């Protein structure tokens, strides 16, 4: 058995995590928790890239600026 096989819901899970990280980052920014917001933004980018790689799309070049 190939241990590198991923469950078929991996892209959906990664997109969900990206969405939640985005929401949490915005919440952190609104409360002046800049370091935490930055870490959450990085988690969002990573989750977004994972989901796009899994479905064969190009990952984003840069994050959206808020």
PDB file of N, CA and C in Angstrom:
ATOM      1  N   UNK A   1       0.838  -1.180   0.000  1.00  0.00           N
ATOM      2  CA  UNK A   1       0.000   0.000   0.000  1.00  0.00           C
ATOM      3  C   UNK A   1       0.883   1.244   0.000  1.00  0.00           C
ATOM      4  N   UNK A   2       0.533   2.224  -0.820  1.00  0.00           N
ATOM      5  CA  UNK A   2       1.284   3.467  -0.914  1.00  0.00           C
ATOM      6  C   UNK A   2       0.905   4.381   0.255  1.00  0.00           C
ATOM      7  N   UNK A   3       1.878   4.695   1.109  1.00  0.00           N
ATOM      8  CA  UNK A   3       1.580   5.546   2.266  1.00  0.00           C
ATOM      9  C   UNK A   3       1.432   7.012   1.881  1.00  0.00           C
ATOM     10  N   UNK A   4       1.759   7.370   0.634  1.00  0.00           N
ATOM     11  CA  UNK A   4       1.631   8.754   0.179  1.00  0.00           C
ATOM     12  C   UNK A   4       0.244   9.075  -0.344  1.00  0.00           C
ATOM     13  N   UNK A   5      -0.646   8.087  -0.398  1.00  0.00           N
ATOM     14  CA  UNK A   5      -2.002   8.350  -0.853  1.00  0.00           C
ATOM     15  C   UNK A   5      -2.725   9.217   0.172  1.00  0.00           C
ATOM     16  N   UNK A   6      -3.453  10.210  -0.343  1.00  0.00           N
ATOM     17  CA  UNK A   6      -4.199  11.090   0.541  1.00  0.00           C
ATOM     18  C   UNK A   6      -5.685  10.791   0.387  1.00  0.00           C
ATOM     19  N   UNK A   7      -6.441  10.972   1.451  1.00  0.00           N
ATOM     20  CA  UNK A   7      -7.882  10.759   1.331  1.00  0.00           C
ATOM     21  C   UNK A   7      -8.476  11.734   0.318  1.00  0.00           C
ATOM     22  N   UNK A   8      -9.545  11.353  -0.348  1.00  0.00           N
ATOM     23  CA  UNK A   8     -10.127  12.219  -1.372  1.00  0.00           C
ATOM     24  C   UNK A   8     -10.653  13.545  -0.843  1.00  0.00           C
ATOM     25  N   UNK A   9     -10.859  13.646   0.450  1.00  0.00           N
ATOM     26  CA  UNK A   9     -11.370  14.901   0.987  1.00  0.00           C
ATOM     27  C   UNK A   9     -10.263  15.869   1.410  1.00  0.00           C
ATOM     28  N   UNK A  10      -9.015  15.559   1.100  1.00  0.00           N
ATOM     29  CA  UNK A  10      -7.898  16.425   1.481  1.00  0.00           C
ATOM     30  C   UNK A  10      -8.064  17.854   0.971  1.00  0.00           C
ATOM     31  N   UNK A  11      -8.407  18.076  -0.313  1.00  0.00           N
ATOM     32  CA  UNK A  11      -8.560  19.467  -0.771  1.00  0.00           C
ATOM     33  C   UNK A  11      -9.668  20.207  -0.024  1.00  0.00           C
ATOM     34  N   UNK A  12     -10.776  19.534   0.240  1.00  0.00           N
ATOM     35  CA  UNK A  12     -11.876  20.175   0.969  1.00  0.00           C
ATOM     36  C   UNK A  12     -11.470  20.502   2.399  1.00  0.00           C
ATOM     37  N   UNK A  13     -10.743  19.605   3.026  1.00  0.00           N
ATOM     38  CA  UNK A  13     -10.276  19.846   4.390  1.00  0.00           C
ATOM     39  C   UNK A  13      -9.326  21.035   4.417  1.00  0.00           C
ATOM     40  N   UNK A  14      -8.404  21.081   3.467  1.00  0.00           N
ATOM     41  CA  UNK A  14      -7.454  22.195   3.394  1.00  0.00           C
ATOM     42  C   UNK A  14      -8.176  23.513   3.145  1.00  0.00           C
ATOM     43  N   UNK A  15      -9.179  23.512   2.278  1.00  0.00           N
ATOM     44  CA  UNK A  15      -9.948  24.735   2.025  1.00  0.00           C
ATOM     45  C   UNK A  15     -10.703  25.183   3.276  1.00  0.00           C
ATOM     46  N   UNK A  16     -11.242  24.241   4.014  1.00  0.00           N
ATOM     47  CA  UNK A  16     -11.939  24.578   5.260  1.00  0.00           C
ATOM     48  C   UNK A  16     -10.973  25.207   6.258  1.00  0.00           C
ATOM     49  N   UNK A  17      -9.798  24.613   6.375  1.00  0.00           N
ATOM     50  CA  UNK A  17      -8.790  25.144   7.289  1.00  0.00           C
ATOM     51  C   UNK A  17      -8.376  26.547   6.849  1.00  0.00           C
ATOM     52  N   UNK A  18      -8.207  26.746   5.535  1.00  0.00           N
ATOM     53  CA  UNK A  18      -7.855  28.071   5.013  1.00  0.00           C
ATOM     54  C   UNK A  18      -8.929  29.093   5.372  1.00  0.00           C
ATOM     55  N   UNK A  19     -10.174  28.700   5.220  1.00  0.00           N
ATOM     56  CA  UNK A  19     -11.282  29.601   5.532  1.00  0.00           C
ATOM     57  C   UNK A  19     -11.307  29.960   7.021  1.00  0.00           C
ATOM     58  N   UNK A  20     -11.144  28.964   7.859  1.00  0.00           N
ATOM     59  CA  UNK A  20     -11.154  29.216   9.307  1.00  0.00           C
ATOM     60  C   UNK A  20      -9.951  30.056   9.722  1.00  0.00           C
ATOM     61  N   UNK A  21      -8.781  29.789   9.154  1.00  0.00           N
ATOM     62  CA  UNK A  21      -7.583  30.563   9.483  1.00  0.00           C
ATOM     63  C   UNK A  21      -7.753  32.015   9.052  1.00  0.00           C
ATOM     64  N   UNK A  22      -8.399  32.229   7.901  1.00  0.00           N
ATOM     65  CA  UNK A  22      -8.657  33.593   7.433  1.00  0.00           C
ATOM     66  C   UNK A  22      -9.565  34.330   8.411  1.00  0.00           C
ATOM     67  N   UNK A  23     -10.622  33.672   8.827  1.00  0.00           N
ATOM     68  CA  UNK A  23     -11.559  34.280   9.775  1.00  0.00           C
ATOM     69  C   UNK A  23     -10.864  34.602  11.103  1.00  0.00           C
ATOM     70  N   UNK A  24     -10.065  33.670  11.590  1.00  0.00           N
ATOM     71  CA  UNK A  24      -9.351  33.890  12.846  1.00  0.00           C
ATOM     72  C   UNK A  24      -8.298  34.995  12.710  1.00  0.00           C
ATOM     73  N   UNK A  25      -7.629  35.065  11.558  1.00  0.00           N
ATOM     74  CA  UNK A  25      -6.631  36.114  11.335  1.00  0.00           C
ATOM     75  C   UNK A  25      -7.291  37.492  11.347  1.00  0.00           C
ATOM     76  N   UNK A  26      -8.439  37.597  10.713  1.00  0.00           N
ATOM     77  CA  UNK A  26      -9.166  38.877  10.720  1.00  0.00           C
ATOM     78  C   UNK A  26      -9.584  39.253  12.148  1.00  0.00           C
ATOM     79  N   UNK A  27     -10.027  38.280  12.906  1.00  0.00           N
ATOM     80  CA  UNK A  27     -10.416  38.506  14.294  1.00  0.00           C
ATOM     81  C   UNK A  27      -9.206  38.971  15.107  1.00  0.00           C
ATOM     82  N   UNK A  28      -8.077  38.295  14.918  1.00  0.00           N
ATOM     83  CA  UNK A  28      -6.858  38.671  15.629  1.00  0.00           C
ATOM     84  C   UNK A  28      -6.426  40.092  15.261  1.00  0.00           C
ATOM     85  N   UNK A  29      -6.483  40.434  13.964  1.00  0.00           N
ATOM     86  CA  UNK A  29      -6.111  41.791  13.535  1.00  0.00           C
ATOM     87  C   UNK A  29      -7.011  42.840  14.162  1.00  0.00           C
ATOM     88  N   UNK A  30      -8.303  42.536  14.254  1.00  0.00           N
ATOM     89  CA  UNK A  30      -9.240  43.511  14.812  1.00  0.00           C
ATOM     90  C   UNK A  30      -8.998  43.742  16.302  1.00  0.00           C
ATOM     91  N   UNK A  31      -8.249  42.855  16.932  1.00  0.00           N
ATOM     92  CA  UNK A  31      -7.922  42.999  18.346  1.00  0.00           C
ATOM     93  C   UNK A  31      -6.431  43.293  18.549  1.00  0.00           C
ATOM     94  N   UNK A  32      -5.804  43.788  17.475  1.00  0.00           N
ATOM     95  CA  UNK A  32      -4.387  44.193  17.513  1.00  0.00           C
ATOM     96  C   UNK A  32      -3.443  43.077  17.945  1.00  0.00           C
ATOM     97  N   UNK A  33      -3.759  41.853  17.558  1.00  0.00           N
ATOM     98  CA  UNK A  33      -2.887  40.709  17.829  1.00  0.00           C
ATOM     99  C   UNK A  33      -2.129  40.392  16.544  1.00  0.00           C
ATOM    100  N   UNK A  34      -1.220  41.293  16.187  1.00  0.00           N
ATOM    101  CA  UNK A  34      -0.559  41.246  14.886  1.00  0.00           C
ATOM    102  C   UNK A  34       0.272  39.978  14.669  1.00  0.00           C
ATOM    103  N   UNK A  35       1.027  39.554  15.671  1.00  0.00           N
ATOM    104  CA  UNK A  35       1.855  38.351  15.501  1.00  0.00           C
ATOM    105  C   UNK A  35       0.977  37.119  15.278  1.00  0.00           C
ATOM    106  N   UNK A  36      -0.079  37.020  16.037  1.00  0.00           N
ATOM    107  CA  UNK A  36      -1.001  35.895  15.875  1.00  0.00           C
ATOM    108  C   UNK A  36      -1.695  35.958  14.516  1.00  0.00           C
ATOM    109  N   UNK A  37      -2.076  37.152  14.090  1.00  0.00           N
ATOM    110  CA  UNK A  37      -2.711  37.320  12.778  1.00  0.00           C
ATOM    111  C   UNK A  37      -1.757  36.882  11.666  1.00  0.00           C
ATOM    112  N   UNK A  38      -0.487  37.218  11.802  1.00  0.00           N
ATOM    113  CA  UNK A  38       0.511  36.825  10.812  1.00  0.00           C
ATOM    114  C   UNK A  38       0.630  35.303  10.719  1.00  0.00           C
ATOM    115  N   UNK A  39       0.713  34.649  11.865  1.00  0.00           N
ATOM    116  CA  UNK A  39       0.830  33.187  11.889  1.00  0.00           C
ATOM    117  C   UNK A  39      -0.404  32.541  11.255  1.00  0.00           C
ATOM    118  N   UNK A  40      -1.571  33.073  11.566  1.00  0.00           N
ATOM    119  CA  UNK A  40      -2.803  32.542  10.980  1.00  0.00           C
ATOM    120  C   UNK A  40      -2.851  32.778   9.475  1.00  0.00           C
ATOM    121  N   UNK A  41      -2.336  33.919   9.021  1.00  0.00           N
ATOM    122  CA  UNK A  41      -2.261  34.177   7.574  1.00  0.00           C
ATOM    123  C   UNK A  41      -1.340  33.163   6.889  1.00  0.00           C
ATOM    124  N   UNK A  42      -0.240  32.826   7.537  1.00  0.00           N
ATOM    125  CA  UNK A  42       0.678  31.838   6.970  1.00  0.00           C
ATOM    126  C   UNK A  42       0.005  30.461   6.910  1.00  0.00           C
ATOM    127  N   UNK A  43      -0.758  30.126   7.937  1.00  0.00           N
ATOM    128  CA  UNK A  43      -1.497  28.858   7.928  1.00  0.00           C
ATOM    129  C   UNK A  43      -2.520  28.849   6.796  1.00  0.00           C
ATOM    130  N   UNK A  44      -3.177  29.986   6.576  1.00  0.00           N
ATOM    131  CA  UNK A  44      -4.150  30.091   5.482  1.00  0.00           C
ATOM    132  C   UNK A  44      -3.478  29.878   4.130  1.00  0.00           C
ATOM    133  N   UNK A  45      -2.346  30.526   3.926  1.00  0.00           N
ATOM    134  CA  UNK A  45      -1.621  30.368   2.662  1.00  0.00           C
ATOM    135  C   UNK A  45      -1.203  28.917   2.434  1.00  0.00           C
ATOM    136  N   UNK A  46      -0.682  28.290   3.471  1.00  0.00           N
ATOM    137  CA  UNK A  46      -0.247  26.894   3.349  1.00  0.00           C
ATOM    138  C   UNK A  46      -1.415  25.979   3.016  1.00  0.00           C
ATOM    139  N   UNK A  47      -2.523  26.150   3.717  1.00  0.00           N
ATOM    140  CA  UNK A  47      -3.697  25.319   3.452  1.00  0.00           C
ATOM    141  C   UNK A  47      -4.227  25.555   2.042  1.00  0.00           C
ATOM    142  N   UNK A  48      -4.223  26.800   1.591  1.00  0.00           N
ATOM    143  CA  UNK A  48      -4.679  27.124   0.242  1.00  0.00           C
ATOM    144  C   UNK A  48      -3.773  26.475  -0.806  1.00  0.00           C
ATOM    145  N   UNK A  49      -2.474  26.536  -0.597  1.00  0.00           N
ATOM    146  CA  UNK A  49      -1.531  25.921  -1.529  1.00  0.00           C
ATOM    147  C   UNK A  49      -1.692  24.406  -1.565  1.00  0.00           C
ATOM    148  N   UNK A  50      -1.897  23.800  -0.428  1.00  0.00           N
ATOM    149  CA  UNK A  50      -2.104  22.349  -0.380  1.00  0.00           C
ATOM    150  C   UNK A  50      -3.333  21.961  -1.181  1.00  0.00           C
ATOM    151  N   UNK A  51      -4.420  22.682  -0.990  1.00  0.00           N
ATOM    152  CA  UNK A  51      -5.650  22.338  -1.709  1.00  0.00           C
ATOM    153  C   UNK A  51      -5.473  22.516  -3.211  1.00  0.00           C
ATOM    154  N   UNK A  52      -4.773  23.556  -3.623  1.00  0.00           N
ATOM    155  CA  UNK A  52      -4.574  23.801  -5.054  1.00  0.00           C
ATOM    156  C   UNK A  52      -3.624  22.771  -5.677  1.00  0.00           C
ATOM    157  N   UNK A  53      -2.576  22.397  -4.943  1.00  0.00           N
ATOM    158  CA  UNK A  53      -1.667  21.362  -5.455  1.00  0.00           C
ATOM    159  C   UNK A  53      -2.400  20.046  -5.624  1.00  0.00           C
ATOM    160  N   UNK A  54      -3.247  19.737  -4.675  1.00  0.00           N
ATOM    161  CA  UNK A  54      -3.956  18.456  -4.694  1.00  0.00           C
ATOM    162  C   UNK A  54      -4.873  18.352  -5.906  1.00  0.00           C
ATOM    163  N   UNK A  55      -5.477  19.456  -6.322  1.00  0.00           N
ATOM    164  CA  UNK A  55      -6.374  19.418  -7.473  1.00  0.00           C
ATOM    165  C   UNK A  55      -5.668  19.843  -8.761  1.00  0.00           C
ATOM    166  N   UNK A  56      -4.352  20.071  -8.694  1.00  0.00           N
ATOM    167  CA  UNK A  56      -3.558  20.333  -9.885  1.00  0.00           C
ATOM    168  C   UNK A  56      -3.572  21.760 -10.377  1.00  0.00           C
ATOM    169  N   UNK A  57      -3.976  22.694  -9.550  1.00  0.00           N
ATOM    170  CA  UNK A  57      -3.954  24.090  -9.948  1.00  0.00           C
ATOM    171  C   UNK A  57      -2.684  24.741  -9.451  1.00  0.00           C
ATOM    172  N   UNK A  58      -2.365  25.910 -10.022  1.00  0.00           N
ATOM    173  CA  UNK A  58      -1.217  26.658  -9.550  1.00  0.00           C
ATOM    174  C   UNK A  58      -1.529  27.295  -8.205  1.00  0.00           C
ATOM    175  N   UNK A  59      -0.585  27.215  -7.251  1.00  0.00           N
ATOM    176  CA  UNK A  59      -0.790  27.903  -5.975  1.00  0.00           C
ATOM    177  C   UNK A  59      -0.730  29.416  -6.160  1.00  0.00           C
ATOM    178  N   UNK A  60      -1.328  30.186  -5.250  1.00  0.00           N
ATOM    179  CA  UNK A  60      -1.313  31.646  -5.385  1.00  0.00           C
ATOM    180  C   UNK A  60       0.092  32.193  -5.260  1.00  0.00           C
ATOM    181  N   UNK A  61       0.381  33.283  -5.981  1.00  0.00           N
ATOM    182  CA  UNK A  61       1.696  33.897  -5.945  1.00  0.00           C
ATOM    183  C   UNK A  61       1.873  34.718  -4.672  1.00  0.00           C
ATOM    184  N   UNK A  62       0.844  35.458  -4.296  1.00  0.00           N
ATOM    185  CA  UNK A  62       0.927  36.297  -3.097  1.00  0.00           C
ATOM    186  C   UNK A  62      -0.424  36.305  -2.402  1.00  0.00           C
ATOM    187  N   UNK A  63      -0.386  36.632  -1.126  1.00  0.00           N
ATOM    188  CA  UNK A  63      -1.618  36.711  -0.347  1.00  0.00           C
ATOM    189  C   UNK A  63      -2.372  37.984  -0.700  1.00  0.00           C
ATOM    190  N   UNK A  64      -3.677  37.952  -0.522  1.00  0.00           N
ATOM    191  CA  UNK A  64      -4.489  39.153  -0.701  1.00  0.00           C
ATOM    192  C   UNK A  64      -4.142  40.126   0.402  1.00  0.00           C
ATOM    193  N   UNK A  65      -3.983  41.392   0.049  1.00  0.00           N
ATOM    194  CA  UNK A  65      -3.713  42.382   1.084  1.00  0.00           C
ATOM    195  C   UNK A  65      -5.022  42.941   1.590  1.00  0.00           C
ATOM    196  N   UNK A  66      -5.111  43.041   2.894  1.00  0.00           N
ATOM    197  CA  UNK A  66      -6.339  43.550   3.530  1.00  0.00           C
ATOM    198  C   UNK A  66      -6.176  44.966   3.980  1.00  0.00           C
TER     199      UNK A  66
END
